Amino acid sequence: MGVAAYGLKIAEDANEVRYEVRMTPDGHVNGVLVIDKDNPTERWRVDGAGASRGLAARVAARAYRRFKDTGAWPERAAHQS
């Protein structure tokens, strides 16, 4: 059974970037991923009632990979396995 996680950027400032995390592109929000720009691989969290840390971790990894490749945090990040 595969796992899918989708992130839609909802905010970005000098310190953080935030993504809504979902299991499907238009599905229920499973938390808000907050990535600390100064240390994105170590200092991130997921906020919200019923938030899924597993889904958020997948979105965080994809978003960070795109950031490393392009120098900009992506508007969307998706993981499918």
C-alpha atoms as a PDB file:
ATOM      1  CA  MET A   1       0.000   0.000   0.000  1.00  0.00           C
ATOM      2  CA  GLY A   2       1.420   3.373  -1.007  1.00  0.00           C
ATOM      3  CA  VAL A   3       1.484   6.612   0.883  1.00  0.00           C
ATOM      4  CA  ALA A   4       0.690  10.003  -0.576  1.00  0.00           C
ATOM      5  CA  ALA A   5       1.234  13.386   1.055  1.00  0.00           C
ATOM      6  CA  TYR A   6       0.584  16.798  -0.421  1.00  0.00           C
ATOM      7  CA  GLY A   7       1.616  20.221   0.831  1.00  0.00           C
ATOM      8  CA  LEU A   8       0.276  23.603  -0.269  1.00  0.00           C
ATOM      9  CA  LYS A   9       2.257  26.655   0.832  1.00  0.00           C
ATOM     10  CA  ILE A  10       0.005  29.005   2.758  1.00  0.00           C
ATOM     11  CA  ALA A  11       2.539  31.455   4.218  1.00  0.00           C
ATOM     12  CA  GLU A  12       6.187  32.401   4.121  1.00  0.00           C
ATOM     13  CA  ASP A  13       8.159  35.032   5.977  1.00  0.00           C
ATOM     14  CA  ALA A  14      11.818  35.645   6.768  1.00  0.00           C
ATOM     15  CA  ASN A  15      11.866  32.915   9.445  1.00  0.00           C
ATOM     16  CA  GLU A  16       9.353  30.226   8.485  1.00  0.00           C
ATOM     17  CA  VAL A  17       7.439  28.628   5.661  1.00  0.00           C
ATOM     18  CA  ARG A  18       4.047  26.966   6.252  1.00  0.00           C
ATOM     19  CA  TYR A  19       2.262  24.247   4.294  1.00  0.00           C
ATOM     20  CA  GLU A  20      -1.173  22.698   4.664  1.00  0.00           C
ATOM     21  CA  VAL A  21      -0.685  18.927   4.683  1.00  0.00           C
ATOM     22  CA  ARG A  22      -3.219  16.605   3.024  1.00  0.00           C
ATOM     23  CA  MET A  23      -3.518  12.985   1.927  1.00  0.00           C
ATOM     24  CA  THR A  24      -5.064  14.046  -1.409  1.00  0.00           C
ATOM     25  CA  PRO A  25      -4.556  17.322  -3.281  1.00  0.00           C
ATOM     26  CA  ASP A  26      -8.044  18.603  -2.394  1.00  0.00           C
ATOM     27  CA  GLY A  27      -8.673  16.530   0.736  1.00  0.00           C
ATOM     28  CA  HIS A  28      -9.034  17.255   4.421  1.00  0.00           C
ATOM     29  CA  VAL A  29      -6.181  19.247   5.988  1.00  0.00           C
ATOM     30  CA  ASN A  30      -4.096  16.945   8.215  1.00  0.00           C
ATOM     31  CA  GLY A  31      -2.210  19.736   9.955  1.00  0.00           C
ATOM     32  CA  VAL A  32      -0.019  22.697   9.114  1.00  0.00           C
ATOM     33  CA  LEU A  33       3.674  22.023   8.605  1.00  0.00           C
ATOM     34  CA  VAL A  34       5.894  24.822   9.923  1.00  0.00           C
ATOM     35  CA  ILE A  35       9.508  24.761   8.710  1.00  0.00           C
ATOM     36  CA  ASP A  36      12.168  26.905  10.374  1.00  0.00           C
ATOM     37  CA  LYS A  37      14.253  28.350   7.533  1.00  0.00           C
ATOM     38  CA  ASP A  38      17.432  28.562   9.631  1.00  0.00           C
ATOM     39  CA  ASN A  39      17.485  24.805  10.282  1.00  0.00           C
ATOM     40  CA  PRO A  40      14.827  23.176   8.073  1.00  0.00           C
ATOM     41  CA  THR A  41      15.890  19.551   8.500  1.00  0.00           C
ATOM     42  CA  GLU A  42      15.952  19.655  12.299  1.00  0.00           C
ATOM     43  CA  ARG A  43      13.482  22.331  13.359  1.00  0.00           C
ATOM     44  CA  TRP A  44      10.077  21.724  11.889  1.00  0.00           C
ATOM     45  CA  ARG A  45       6.754  20.890  13.464  1.00  0.00           C
ATOM     46  CA  VAL A  46       3.185  20.115  12.504  1.00  0.00           C
ATOM     47  CA  ASP A  47       0.336  22.019  14.169  1.00  0.00           C
ATOM     48  CA  GLY A  48      -3.374  21.301  14.412  1.00  0.00           C
ATOM     49  CA  ALA A  49      -5.838  18.893  15.932  1.00  0.00           C
ATOM     50  CA  GLY A  50      -5.274  15.431  14.492  1.00  0.00           C
ATOM     51  CA  ALA A  51      -2.121  16.544  12.700  1.00  0.00           C
ATOM     52  CA  SER A  52      -0.142  13.774  11.017  1.00  0.00           C
ATOM     53  CA  ARG A  53       3.584  13.936  11.740  1.00  0.00           C
ATOM     54  CA  GLY A  54       4.229  11.178   9.187  1.00  0.00           C
ATOM     55  CA  LEU A  55       2.555  13.049   6.330  1.00  0.00           C
ATOM     56  CA  ALA A  56       4.229  16.288   7.402  1.00  0.00           C
ATOM     57  CA  ALA A  57       7.663  14.628   7.392  1.00  0.00           C
ATOM     58  CA  ARG A  58       7.159  13.537   3.780  1.00  0.00           C
ATOM     59  CA  VAL A  59       6.081  17.030   2.701  1.00  0.00           C
ATOM     60  CA  ALA A  60       8.990  18.609   4.623  1.00  0.00           C
ATOM     61  CA  ALA A  61      11.506  16.374   2.849  1.00  0.00           C
ATOM     62  CA  ARG A  62      10.093  17.134  -0.610  1.00  0.00           C
ATOM     63  CA  ALA A  63       9.833  20.866   0.018  1.00  0.00           C
ATOM     64  CA  TYR A  64      13.398  21.020   1.332  1.00  0.00           C
ATOM     65  CA  ARG A  65      14.714  19.047  -1.645  1.00  0.00           C
ATOM     66  CA  ARG A  66      13.047  21.526  -4.033  1.00  0.00           C
ATOM     67  CA  PHE A  67      14.414  24.438  -2.000  1.00  0.00           C
ATOM     68  CA  LYS A  68      17.951  23.026  -2.263  1.00  0.00           C
ATOM     69  CA  ASP A  69      17.557  22.585  -6.037  1.00  0.00           C
ATOM     70  CA  THR A  70      16.000  25.977  -6.802  1.00  0.00           C
ATOM     71  CA  GLY A  71      16.762  28.291  -3.877  1.00  0.00           C
ATOM     72  CA  ALA A  72      13.048  28.988  -3.356  1.00  0.00           C
ATOM     73  CA  TRP A  73      10.462  27.210  -1.226  1.00  0.00           C
ATOM     74  CA  PRO A  74       7.955  25.592  -3.596  1.00  0.00           C
ATOM     75  CA  GLU A  75       4.278  26.514  -3.745  1.00  0.00           C
ATOM     76  CA  ARG A  76       3.431  22.790  -3.678  1.00  0.00           C
ATOM     77  CA  ALA A  77       5.244  19.685  -2.506  1.00  0.00           C
ATOM     78  CA  ALA A  78       4.093  16.107  -3.024  1.00  0.00           C
ATOM     79  CA  HIS A  79       5.307  12.670  -2.011  1.00  0.00           C
ATOM     80  CA  GLN A  80       3.946   9.426  -3.434  1.00  0.00           C
ATOM     81  CA  SER A  81       5.259   5.955  -2.804  1.00  0.00           C
END
